[in-house]
Amino acid sequence: MIPLRIEAPAKLNLWLAVTGRRGDGHHQLASELVLLELADSLLLMPGCSGLRIEAPPGDDVPRTPAANLAWRGLLAGLGEEPRLACLALEKRIASGAGLGGGSSDAAAAWRLGRRWRGEANDATREPRLLEELSRIGADVPFFAAGVAAARVEGIGEVVAKIDPPAGGVEVVLAHPPFSLSTAAVFAELQPGEWSGAAHAEGNDLLTPARRLRPELDDVMRLVAGAGAEPRLTGSGPTVFARCDDPERADAVAARLGRAGLRATRTRLRREPARIEAVSDAEELR
């Protein structure tokens, strides 16, 4: 087999509405998701075994296969434990940031596993696959669908492709010096804070996230003071701002840096990530 490589992009929730709750306790959502150029990288290689992870210092990404979402995605794609194949994961997306890094890794590894065994990767034609992937994580079906932007509903299993936004493609990510647990944010969410219906603005998880981390208000103020409109992605704590030109986005990021807040410059993707066959051994180093 030839080694296979794919990027696992981060995502933004341009808006997010909680529309109800199922009998099993899972909240039902409606959201518009888009991919970012910021991405992790995965490589599936023959002739070895196990999971290899390269991550920045301090990143708490699970390093054991049983606890790692990328490994779970690979098993789901292969349908069995890999034989003489290992998965290498290079992390660039912060964990617990609301950017979907773990879910994107799971979906990318699932796609690699499917390609490895000669299966098609078009999950949108098989709703059953999206429903199965939602059990790994609510964002996994979106990433597995192979689209750059989508309207997502239910518990993440209903994915409808849409065109990526035409404007505001330059993005600034403001990273607070703390993480937020998605489970904790949903546990804090009160029924009176649900929108109850889809709406193309705001994020219903912002209020519970602010109660858990009042420091989010400071981050929002810093982004607004830097000249941009602050928005929360997912359950946070990452705050993002979209700009129409790179010079303005660079200026916003620079102001945040001078204020002592770590910022990342990236852009919206126009196309989903594609699997690449790696034929040159030098590229594996």
C-alpha atoms as a PDB file:
ATOM      1  CA  MET A   1       0.000   0.000   0.000  1.00  0.00           C
ATOM      2  CA  ILE A   2       1.066   3.584  -0.677  1.00  0.00           C
ATOM      3  CA  PRO A   3       1.141   6.006   2.289  1.00  0.00           C
ATOM      4  CA  LEU A   4      -1.832   8.358   2.352  1.00  0.00           C
ATOM      5  CA  ARG A   5      -1.892  11.905   3.692  1.00  0.00           C
ATOM      6  CA  ILE A   6      -4.750  14.315   4.415  1.00  0.00           C
ATOM      7  CA  GLU A   7      -5.253  17.596   6.232  1.00  0.00           C
ATOM      8  CA  ALA A   8      -7.839  17.859   9.017  1.00  0.00           C
ATOM      9  CA  PRO A   9      -9.077  21.464   8.945  1.00  0.00           C
ATOM     10  CA  ALA A  10     -10.454  23.452  11.859  1.00  0.00           C
ATOM     11  CA  LYS A  11     -13.999  24.815  11.644  1.00  0.00           C
ATOM     12  CA  LEU A  12     -16.042  27.822  12.645  1.00  0.00           C
ATOM     13  CA  ASN A  13     -19.686  27.924  13.644  1.00  0.00           C
ATOM     14  CA  LEU A  14     -20.887  31.085  11.917  1.00  0.00           C
ATOM     15  CA  TRP A  15     -24.046  30.733  14.010  1.00  0.00           C
ATOM     16  CA  LEU A  16     -25.415  28.064  16.307  1.00  0.00           C
ATOM     17  CA  ALA A  17     -28.943  27.516  17.607  1.00  0.00           C
ATOM     18  CA  VAL A  18     -30.152  24.908  20.095  1.00  0.00           C
ATOM     19  CA  THR A  19     -33.498  23.744  18.736  1.00  0.00           C
ATOM     20  CA  GLY A  20     -34.548  21.034  21.216  1.00  0.00           C
ATOM     21  CA  ARG A  21     -33.536  18.004  23.213  1.00  0.00           C
ATOM     22  CA  ARG A  22     -33.963  14.328  22.434  1.00  0.00           C
ATOM     23  CA  GLY A  23     -35.232  11.711  24.834  1.00  0.00           C
ATOM     24  CA  ASP A  24     -31.674  10.377  25.265  1.00  0.00           C
ATOM     25  CA  GLY A  25     -30.537  13.775  26.572  1.00  0.00           C
ATOM     26  CA  HIS A  26     -28.646  14.934  23.478  1.00  0.00           C
ATOM     27  CA  HIS A  27     -29.352  18.508  22.414  1.00  0.00           C
ATOM     28  CA  GLN A  28     -30.510  19.104  18.859  1.00  0.00           C
ATOM     29  CA  LEU A  29     -28.772  21.889  16.992  1.00  0.00           C
ATOM     30  CA  ALA A  30     -28.875  23.929  13.827  1.00  0.00           C
ATOM     31  CA  SER A  31     -25.669  25.585  12.703  1.00  0.00           C
ATOM     32  CA  GLU A  32     -23.730  26.845   9.719  1.00  0.00           C
ATOM     33  CA  LEU A  33     -20.187  25.454   9.646  1.00  0.00           C
ATOM     34  CA  VAL A  34     -17.228  26.441   7.493  1.00  0.00           C
ATOM     35  CA  LEU A  35     -13.711  25.042   7.162  1.00  0.00           C
ATOM     36  CA  LEU A  36     -10.525  26.977   7.901  1.00  0.00           C
ATOM     37  CA  GLU A  37      -7.091  26.734   6.346  1.00  0.00           C
ATOM     38  CA  LEU A  38      -5.704  26.057   9.831  1.00  0.00           C
ATOM     39  CA  ALA A  39      -5.409  22.270   9.916  1.00  0.00           C
ATOM     40  CA  ASP A  40      -3.855  19.227  11.534  1.00  0.00           C
ATOM     41  CA  SER A  41      -2.095  16.704   9.302  1.00  0.00           C
ATOM     42  CA  LEU A  42      -2.565  12.917   9.233  1.00  0.00           C
ATOM     43  CA  LEU A  43      -0.470  10.256   7.527  1.00  0.00           C
ATOM     44  CA  LEU A  44      -1.435   6.579   7.244  1.00  0.00           C
ATOM     45  CA  MET A  45       1.641   4.450   6.603  1.00  0.00           C
ATOM     46  CA  PRO A  46       2.228   0.744   5.927  1.00  0.00           C
ATOM     47  CA  GLY A  47       4.880  -1.408   7.532  1.00  0.00           C
ATOM     48  CA  CYS A  48       4.406  -0.197  11.098  1.00  0.00           C
ATOM     49  CA  SER A  49       1.718  -0.092  13.763  1.00  0.00           C
ATOM     50  CA  GLY A  50       0.171   2.188  16.380  1.00  0.00           C
ATOM     51  CA  LEU A  51      -0.474   5.905  16.794  1.00  0.00           C
ATOM     52  CA  ARG A  52       2.201   8.584  16.622  1.00  0.00           C
ATOM     53  CA  ILE A  53       1.430  12.148  17.739  1.00  0.00           C
ATOM     54  CA  GLU A  54       3.400  15.350  17.332  1.00  0.00           C
ATOM     55  CA  ALA A  55       1.864  18.249  19.239  1.00  0.00           C
ATOM     56  CA  PRO A  56       2.921  21.625  20.655  1.00  0.00           C
ATOM     57  CA  PRO A  57       4.134  21.649  24.275  1.00  0.00           C
ATOM     58  CA  GLY A  58       1.258  21.748  26.735  1.00  0.00           C
ATOM     59  CA  ASP A  59      -1.340  20.407  24.316  1.00  0.00           C
ATOM     60  CA  ASP A  60      -3.397  17.792  26.146  1.00  0.00           C
ATOM     61  CA  VAL A  61      -4.380  15.726  23.092  1.00  0.00           C
ATOM     62  CA  PRO A  62      -4.938  12.080  24.187  1.00  0.00           C
ATOM     63  CA  ARG A  63      -1.933  10.010  23.183  1.00  0.00           C
ATOM     64  CA  THR A  64      -3.245   6.500  23.768  1.00  0.00           C
ATOM     65  CA  PRO A  65      -5.149   4.917  20.863  1.00  0.00           C
ATOM     66  CA  ALA A  66      -8.158   4.036  23.010  1.00  0.00           C
ATOM     67  CA  ALA A  67      -8.685   7.681  24.028  1.00  0.00           C
ATOM     68  CA  ASN A  68      -7.787   9.390  20.758  1.00  0.00           C
ATOM     69  CA  LEU A  69     -10.560  10.440  18.363  1.00  0.00           C
ATOM     70  CA  ALA A  70      -8.347  10.063  15.292  1.00  0.00           C
ATOM     71  CA  TRP A  71      -7.741   6.425  16.161  1.00  0.00           C
ATOM     72  CA  ARG A  72     -11.477   5.863  16.710  1.00  0.00           C
ATOM     73  CA  GLY A  73     -12.140   7.361  13.293  1.00  0.00           C
ATOM     74  CA  LEU A  74      -9.526   5.120  11.688  1.00  0.00           C
ATOM     75  CA  LEU A  75     -11.082   2.014  13.236  1.00  0.00           C
ATOM     76  CA  ALA A  76     -14.509   3.090  11.983  1.00  0.00           C
ATOM     77  CA  GLY A  77     -13.113   3.609   8.477  1.00  0.00           C
ATOM     78  CA  LEU A  78     -11.211   0.341   8.349  1.00  0.00           C
ATOM     79  CA  GLY A  79     -13.862  -1.685  10.135  1.00  0.00           C
ATOM     80  CA  GLU A  80     -11.155  -3.424  12.161  1.00  0.00           C
ATOM     81  CA  GLU A  81      -7.853  -2.891  13.942  1.00  0.00           C
ATOM     82  CA  PRO A  82      -5.191  -1.853  11.405  1.00  0.00           C
ATOM     83  CA  ARG A  83      -2.716  -4.538  10.414  1.00  0.00           C
ATOM     84  CA  LEU A  84       0.800  -3.344   9.635  1.00  0.00           C
ATOM     85  CA  ALA A  85      -0.327   0.257   9.365  1.00  0.00           C
ATOM     86  CA  CYS A  86       0.250   3.201  11.668  1.00  0.00           C
ATOM     87  CA  LEU A  87      -1.338   6.631  11.923  1.00  0.00           C
ATOM     88  CA  ALA A  88       0.829   9.719  12.395  1.00  0.00           C
ATOM     89  CA  LEU A  89      -0.955  12.851  13.622  1.00  0.00           C
ATOM     90  CA  GLU A  90       0.595  16.318  13.611  1.00  0.00           C
ATOM     91  CA  LYS A  91      -1.459  18.700  15.765  1.00  0.00           C
ATOM     92  CA  ARG A  92      -1.783  22.404  14.960  1.00  0.00           C
ATOM     93  CA  ILE A  93      -5.366  22.962  16.186  1.00  0.00           C
ATOM     94  CA  ALA A  94      -5.599  23.580  19.918  1.00  0.00           C
ATOM     95  CA  SER A  95      -7.591  21.026  21.925  1.00  0.00           C
ATOM     96  CA  GLY A  96     -10.743  22.102  23.772  1.00  0.00           C
ATOM     97  CA  ALA A  97     -10.932  25.322  21.753  1.00  0.00           C
ATOM     98  CA  GLY A  98     -14.282  25.009  19.954  1.00  0.00           C
ATOM     99  CA  LEU A  99     -12.486  24.600  16.618  1.00  0.00           C
ATOM    100  CA  GLY A 100     -13.380  20.924  16.131  1.00  0.00           C
ATOM    101  CA  GLY A 101      -9.797  19.649  16.035  1.00  0.00           C
ATOM    102  CA  GLY A 102     -10.499  16.230  17.532  1.00  0.00           C
ATOM    103  CA  SER A 103     -13.612  15.696  15.428  1.00  0.00           C
ATOM    104  CA  SER A 104     -11.772  16.763  12.280  1.00  0.00           C
ATOM    105  CA  ASP A 105      -8.967  14.316  13.075  1.00  0.00           C
ATOM    106  CA  ALA A 106     -11.546  11.539  13.527  1.00  0.00           C
ATOM    107  CA  ALA A 107     -13.218  12.303  10.201  1.00  0.00           C
ATOM    108  CA  ALA A 108      -9.907  12.595   8.343  1.00  0.00           C
ATOM    109  CA  ALA A 109      -8.711   9.270   9.753  1.00  0.00           C
ATOM    110  CA  TRP A 110     -12.079   7.716   8.838  1.00  0.00           C
ATOM    111  CA  ARG A 111     -11.597   8.913   5.255  1.00  0.00           C
ATOM    112  CA  LEU A 112      -8.056   7.493   5.197  1.00  0.00           C
ATOM    113  CA  GLY A 113      -9.328   4.152   6.483  1.00  0.00           C
ATOM    114  CA  ARG A 114     -12.058   4.038   3.858  1.00  0.00           C
ATOM    115  CA  ARG A 115      -9.577   4.808   1.068  1.00  0.00           C
ATOM    116  CA  TRP A 116      -7.128   2.245   2.468  1.00  0.00           C
ATOM    117  CA  ARG A 117      -9.681  -0.517   2.013  1.00  0.00           C
ATOM    118  CA  GLY A 118     -10.901   0.789  -1.345  1.00  0.00           C
ATOM    119  CA  GLU A 119     -14.231   2.275  -0.250  1.00  0.00           C
ATOM    120  CA  ALA A 120     -15.753   5.515  -1.528  1.00  0.00           C
ATOM    121  CA  ASN A 121     -15.501   8.582   0.701  1.00  0.00           C
ATOM    122  CA  ASP A 122     -18.795  10.268  -0.233  1.00  0.00           C
ATOM    123  CA  ALA A 123     -20.558   9.958   3.116  1.00  0.00           C
ATOM    124  CA  THR A 124     -23.310  12.400   2.129  1.00  0.00           C
ATOM    125  CA  ARG A 125     -24.801   9.702  -0.117  1.00  0.00           C
ATOM    126  CA  GLU A 126     -25.094   7.307   2.817  1.00  0.00           C
ATOM    127  CA  PRO A 127     -26.978   8.970   5.705  1.00  0.00           C
ATOM    128  CA  ARG A 128     -26.410   5.845   7.795  1.00  0.00           C
ATOM    129  CA  LEU A 129     -22.686   6.560   7.808  1.00  0.00           C
ATOM    130  CA  LEU A 130     -23.216  10.114   9.046  1.00  0.00           C
ATOM    131  CA  GLU A 131     -25.448   8.873  11.835  1.00  0.00           C
ATOM    132  CA  GLU A 132     -22.806   6.339  12.894  1.00  0.00           C
ATOM    133  CA  LEU A 133     -20.096   9.005  12.843  1.00  0.00           C
ATOM    134  CA  SER A 134     -22.178  11.332  15.020  1.00  0.00           C
ATOM    135  CA  ARG A 135     -21.652   8.799  17.838  1.00  0.00           C
ATOM    136  CA  ILE A 136     -17.952   9.699  17.812  1.00  0.00           C
ATOM    137  CA  GLY A 137     -18.706  13.431  17.951  1.00  0.00           C
ATOM    138  CA  ALA A 138     -21.362  15.886  16.789  1.00  0.00           C
ATOM    139  CA  ASP A 139     -18.997  17.633  14.341  1.00  0.00           C
ATOM    140  CA  VAL A 140     -17.547  14.442  12.836  1.00  0.00           C
ATOM    141  CA  PRO A 141     -20.257  14.009  10.142  1.00  0.00           C
ATOM    142  CA  PHE A 142     -19.644  17.555   8.849  1.00  0.00           C
ATOM    143  CA  PHE A 143     -15.920  16.953   8.494  1.00  0.00           C
ATOM    144  CA  ALA A 144     -16.500  13.509   6.951  1.00  0.00           C
ATOM    145  CA  ALA A 145     -18.945  14.864   4.369  1.00  0.00           C
ATOM    146  CA  GLY A 146     -16.111  16.376   2.338  1.00  0.00           C
ATOM    147  CA  VAL A 147     -17.611  19.856   1.947  1.00  0.00           C
ATOM    148  CA  ALA A 148     -16.189  23.310   2.670  1.00  0.00           C
ATOM    149  CA  ALA A 149     -19.405  24.676   4.201  1.00  0.00           C
ATOM    150  CA  ALA A 150     -22.671  23.138   5.344  1.00  0.00           C
ATOM    151  CA  ARG A 151     -25.889  23.618   7.232  1.00  0.00           C
ATOM    152  CA  VAL A 152     -25.884  20.999  10.000  1.00  0.00           C
ATOM    153  CA  GLU A 153     -28.890  19.906  12.059  1.00  0.00           C
ATOM    154  CA  GLY A 154     -30.022  17.231  14.516  1.00  0.00           C
ATOM    155  CA  ILE A 155     -27.126  15.981  16.636  1.00  0.00           C
ATOM    156  CA  GLY A 156     -24.785  16.631  13.721  1.00  0.00           C
ATOM    157  CA  GLU A 157     -25.916  13.798  11.446  1.00  0.00           C
ATOM    158  CA  VAL A 158     -27.920  15.964   9.003  1.00  0.00           C
ATOM    159  CA  VAL A 159     -25.432  17.716   6.709  1.00  0.00           C
ATOM    160  CA  ALA A 160     -26.518  19.849   3.742  1.00  0.00           C
ATOM    161  CA  LYS A 161     -23.824  21.371   1.548  1.00  0.00           C
ATOM    162  CA  ILE A 162     -23.946  25.147   1.037  1.00  0.00           C
ATOM    163  CA  ASP A 163     -21.684  27.618  -0.748  1.00  0.00           C
ATOM    164  CA  PRO A 164     -18.899  29.089   1.399  1.00  0.00           C
ATOM    165  CA  PRO A 165     -19.422  32.766   2.270  1.00  0.00           C
ATOM    166  CA  ALA A 166     -18.276  35.135  -0.462  1.00  0.00           C
ATOM    167  CA  GLY A 167     -16.964  37.782   1.955  1.00  0.00           C
ATOM    168  CA  GLY A 168     -15.146  37.869   5.249  1.00  0.00           C
ATOM    169  CA  VAL A 169     -12.730  35.147   4.229  1.00  0.00           C
ATOM    170  CA  GLU A 170      -9.859  36.534   6.329  1.00  0.00           C
ATOM    171  CA  VAL A 171     -10.118  35.214   9.882  1.00  0.00           C
ATOM    172  CA  VAL A 172      -8.526  36.123  13.200  1.00  0.00           C
ATOM    173  CA  LEU A 173      -8.738  33.583  16.033  1.00  0.00           C
ATOM    174  CA  ALA A 174      -8.354  34.901  19.577  1.00  0.00           C
ATOM    175  CA  HIS A 175      -7.208  32.185  21.984  1.00  0.00           C
ATOM    176  CA  PRO A 176      -8.023  32.655  25.690  1.00  0.00           C
ATOM    177  CA  PRO A 177      -5.509  31.088  28.103  1.00  0.00           C
ATOM    178  CA  PHE A 178      -8.026  28.428  29.166  1.00  0.00           C
ATOM    179  CA  SER A 179     -10.148  25.681  27.619  1.00  0.00           C
ATOM    180  CA  LEU A 180     -13.840  24.878  27.914  1.00  0.00           C
ATOM    181  CA  SER A 181     -15.433  21.451  28.101  1.00  0.00           C
ATOM    182  CA  THR A 182     -18.243  21.035  25.579  1.00  0.00           C
ATOM    183  CA  ALA A 183     -20.066  18.744  28.017  1.00  0.00           C
ATOM    184  CA  ALA A 184     -19.766  21.361  30.773  1.00  0.00           C
ATOM    185  CA  VAL A 185     -21.155  24.123  28.537  1.00  0.00           C
ATOM    186  CA  PHE A 186     -24.172  22.022  27.542  1.00  0.00           C
ATOM    187  CA  ALA A 187     -24.719  21.045  31.174  1.00  0.00           C
ATOM    188  CA  GLU A 188     -24.777  24.751  32.061  1.00  0.00           C
ATOM    189  CA  LEU A 189     -27.194  25.612  29.229  1.00  0.00           C
ATOM    190  CA  GLN A 190     -30.709  26.436  30.468  1.00  0.00           C
ATOM    191  CA  PRO A 191     -33.846  25.584  28.418  1.00  0.00           C
ATOM    192  CA  GLY A 192     -34.808  29.266  28.406  1.00  0.00           C
ATOM    193  CA  GLU A 193     -31.593  29.986  26.489  1.00  0.00           C
ATOM    194  CA  TRP A 194     -32.496  27.760  23.553  1.00  0.00           C
ATOM    195  CA  SER A 195     -33.522  29.548  20.393  1.00  0.00           C
ATOM    196  CA  GLY A 196     -35.977  26.743  19.704  1.00  0.00           C
ATOM    197  CA  ALA A 197     -35.664  27.332  15.964  1.00  0.00           C
ATOM    198  CA  ALA A 198     -32.857  27.896  13.476  1.00  0.00           C
ATOM    199  CA  HIS A 199     -31.685  31.478  13.152  1.00  0.00           C
ATOM    200  CA  ALA A 200     -28.778  32.801  11.133  1.00  0.00           C
ATOM    201  CA  GLU A 201     -27.106  34.833  13.888  1.00  0.00           C
ATOM    202  CA  GLY A 202     -25.563  34.449  17.320  1.00  0.00           C
ATOM    203  CA  ASN A 203     -24.548  31.405  19.322  1.00  0.00           C
ATOM    204  CA  ASP A 204     -26.841  29.936  21.970  1.00  0.00           C
ATOM    205  CA  LEU A 205     -23.815  28.527  23.814  1.00  0.00           C
ATOM    206  CA  LEU A 206     -22.263  31.933  24.475  1.00  0.00           C
ATOM    207  CA  THR A 207     -24.308  32.666  27.613  1.00  0.00           C
ATOM    208  CA  PRO A 208     -23.513  29.403  29.443  1.00  0.00           C
ATOM    209  CA  ALA A 209     -19.879  29.652  28.320  1.00  0.00           C
ATOM    210  CA  ARG A 210     -19.666  33.161  29.828  1.00  0.00           C
ATOM    211  CA  ARG A 211     -21.129  31.922  33.102  1.00  0.00           C
ATOM    212  CA  LEU A 212     -18.501  29.203  33.294  1.00  0.00           C
ATOM    213  CA  ARG A 213     -15.719  31.547  32.194  1.00  0.00           C
ATOM    214  CA  PRO A 214     -16.537  35.222  32.900  1.00  0.00           C
ATOM    215  CA  GLU A 215     -13.092  36.036  31.453  1.00  0.00           C
ATOM    216  CA  LEU A 216     -14.643  35.516  28.009  1.00  0.00           C
ATOM    217  CA  ASP A 217     -16.126  38.994  28.363  1.00  0.00           C
ATOM    218  CA  ASP A 218     -12.589  40.413  28.500  1.00  0.00           C
ATOM    219  CA  VAL A 219     -11.638  38.527  25.331  1.00  0.00           C
ATOM    220  CA  MET A 220     -14.731  39.795  23.510  1.00  0.00           C
ATOM    221  CA  ARG A 221     -13.920  43.362  24.578  1.00  0.00           C
ATOM    222  CA  LEU A 222     -10.326  43.053  23.384  1.00  0.00           C
ATOM    223  CA  VAL A 223     -11.430  41.816  19.957  1.00  0.00           C
ATOM    224  CA  ALA A 224     -13.998  44.609  19.665  1.00  0.00           C
ATOM    225  CA  GLY A 225     -11.372  47.127  20.791  1.00  0.00           C
ATOM    226  CA  ALA A 226      -9.049  45.838  18.077  1.00  0.00           C
ATOM    227  CA  GLY A 227     -11.629  46.888  15.499  1.00  0.00           C
ATOM    228  CA  ALA A 228     -13.462  43.625  14.739  1.00  0.00           C
ATOM    229  CA  GLU A 229     -16.774  41.952  15.577  1.00  0.00           C
ATOM    230  CA  PRO A 230     -16.182  39.161  18.140  1.00  0.00           C
ATOM    231  CA  ARG A 231     -18.043  35.846  17.786  1.00  0.00           C
ATOM    232  CA  LEU A 232     -17.796  32.583  19.707  1.00  0.00           C
ATOM    233  CA  THR A 233     -17.269  29.363  17.752  1.00  0.00           C
ATOM    234  CA  GLY A 234     -18.870  26.167  19.030  1.00  0.00           C
ATOM    235  CA  SER A 235     -18.781  25.877  22.807  1.00  0.00           C
ATOM    236  CA  GLY A 236     -15.665  28.049  22.907  1.00  0.00           C
ATOM    237  CA  PRO A 237     -13.550  29.435  24.246  1.00  0.00           C
ATOM    238  CA  THR A 238     -12.037  30.568  20.920  1.00  0.00           C
ATOM    239  CA  VAL A 239     -13.396  33.914  19.761  1.00  0.00           C
ATOM    240  CA  PHE A 240     -13.151  34.737  16.067  1.00  0.00           C
ATOM    241  CA  ALA A 241     -13.509  37.742  13.813  1.00  0.00           C
ATOM    242  CA  ARG A 242     -13.931  37.812  10.030  1.00  0.00           C
ATOM    243  CA  CYS A 243     -12.460  40.561   7.879  1.00  0.00           C
ATOM    244  CA  ASP A 244     -12.762  41.468   4.210  1.00  0.00           C
ATOM    245  CA  ASP A 245      -9.087  42.162   3.561  1.00  0.00           C
ATOM    246  CA  PRO A 246      -5.835  40.677   4.874  1.00  0.00           C
ATOM    247  CA  GLU A 247      -4.355  44.020   5.945  1.00  0.00           C
ATOM    248  CA  ARG A 248      -7.217  44.684   8.333  1.00  0.00           C
ATOM    249  CA  ALA A 249      -7.061  41.117   9.702  1.00  0.00           C
ATOM    250  CA  ASP A 250      -3.300  41.466  10.231  1.00  0.00           C
ATOM    251  CA  ALA A 251      -3.877  44.717  12.100  1.00  0.00           C
ATOM    252  CA  VAL A 252      -6.517  43.135  14.360  1.00  0.00           C
ATOM    253  CA  ALA A 253      -4.206  40.204  15.162  1.00  0.00           C
ATOM    254  CA  ALA A 254      -1.324  42.581  15.892  1.00  0.00           C
ATOM    255  CA  ARG A 255      -3.448  44.657  18.296  1.00  0.00           C
ATOM    256  CA  LEU A 256      -4.537  41.518  20.127  1.00  0.00           C
ATOM    257  CA  GLY A 257      -0.922  40.417  20.430  1.00  0.00           C
ATOM    258  CA  ARG A 258       0.078  43.786  21.902  1.00  0.00           C
ATOM    259  CA  ALA A 259      -2.776  43.397  24.405  1.00  0.00           C
ATOM    260  CA  GLY A 260      -1.285  40.087  25.539  1.00  0.00           C
ATOM    261  CA  LEU A 261      -3.781  37.766  23.816  1.00  0.00           C
ATOM    262  CA  ARG A 262      -2.551  35.018  21.498  1.00  0.00           C
ATOM    263  CA  ALA A 263      -4.046  35.331  18.027  1.00  0.00           C
ATOM    264  CA  THR A 264      -3.898  33.182  14.894  1.00  0.00           C
ATOM    265  CA  ARG A 265      -4.377  34.407  11.345  1.00  0.00           C
ATOM    266  CA  THR A 266      -6.103  32.042   8.936  1.00  0.00           C
ATOM    267  CA  ARG A 267      -8.683  32.052   6.129  1.00  0.00           C
ATOM    268  CA  LEU A 268     -11.902  30.300   5.154  1.00  0.00           C
ATOM    269  CA  ARG A 269     -11.408  27.326   2.841  1.00  0.00           C
ATOM    270  CA  ARG A 270     -13.074  27.235  -0.519  1.00  0.00           C
ATOM    271  CA  GLU A 271     -12.561  23.487  -0.977  1.00  0.00           C
ATOM    272  CA  PRO A 272     -12.455  20.507   1.409  1.00  0.00           C
ATOM    273  CA  ALA A 273      -9.219  18.638   2.101  1.00  0.00           C
ATOM    274  CA  ARG A 274      -8.243  15.884  -0.335  1.00  0.00           C
ATOM    275  CA  ILE A 275      -6.420  12.623   0.266  1.00  0.00           C
ATOM    276  CA  GLU A 276      -2.948  12.524  -1.309  1.00  0.00           C
ATOM    277  CA  ALA A 277      -0.912   9.445  -2.122  1.00  0.00           C
ATOM    278  CA  VAL A 278       2.681   9.937  -0.936  1.00  0.00           C
ATOM    279  CA  SER A 279       5.063   8.264  -3.344  1.00  0.00           C
ATOM    280  CA  ASP A 280       8.330  10.032  -2.457  1.00  0.00           C
ATOM    281  CA  ALA A 281       9.947   8.568   0.652  1.00  0.00           C
ATOM    282  CA  GLU A 282      11.501  11.959   1.399  1.00  0.00           C
ATOM    283  CA  GLU A 283       8.038  13.372   2.080  1.00  0.00           C
ATOM    284  CA  LEU A 284       7.566  10.911   4.924  1.00  0.00           C
ATOM    285  CA  ARG A 285      10.402  12.430   6.936  1.00  0.00           C
END
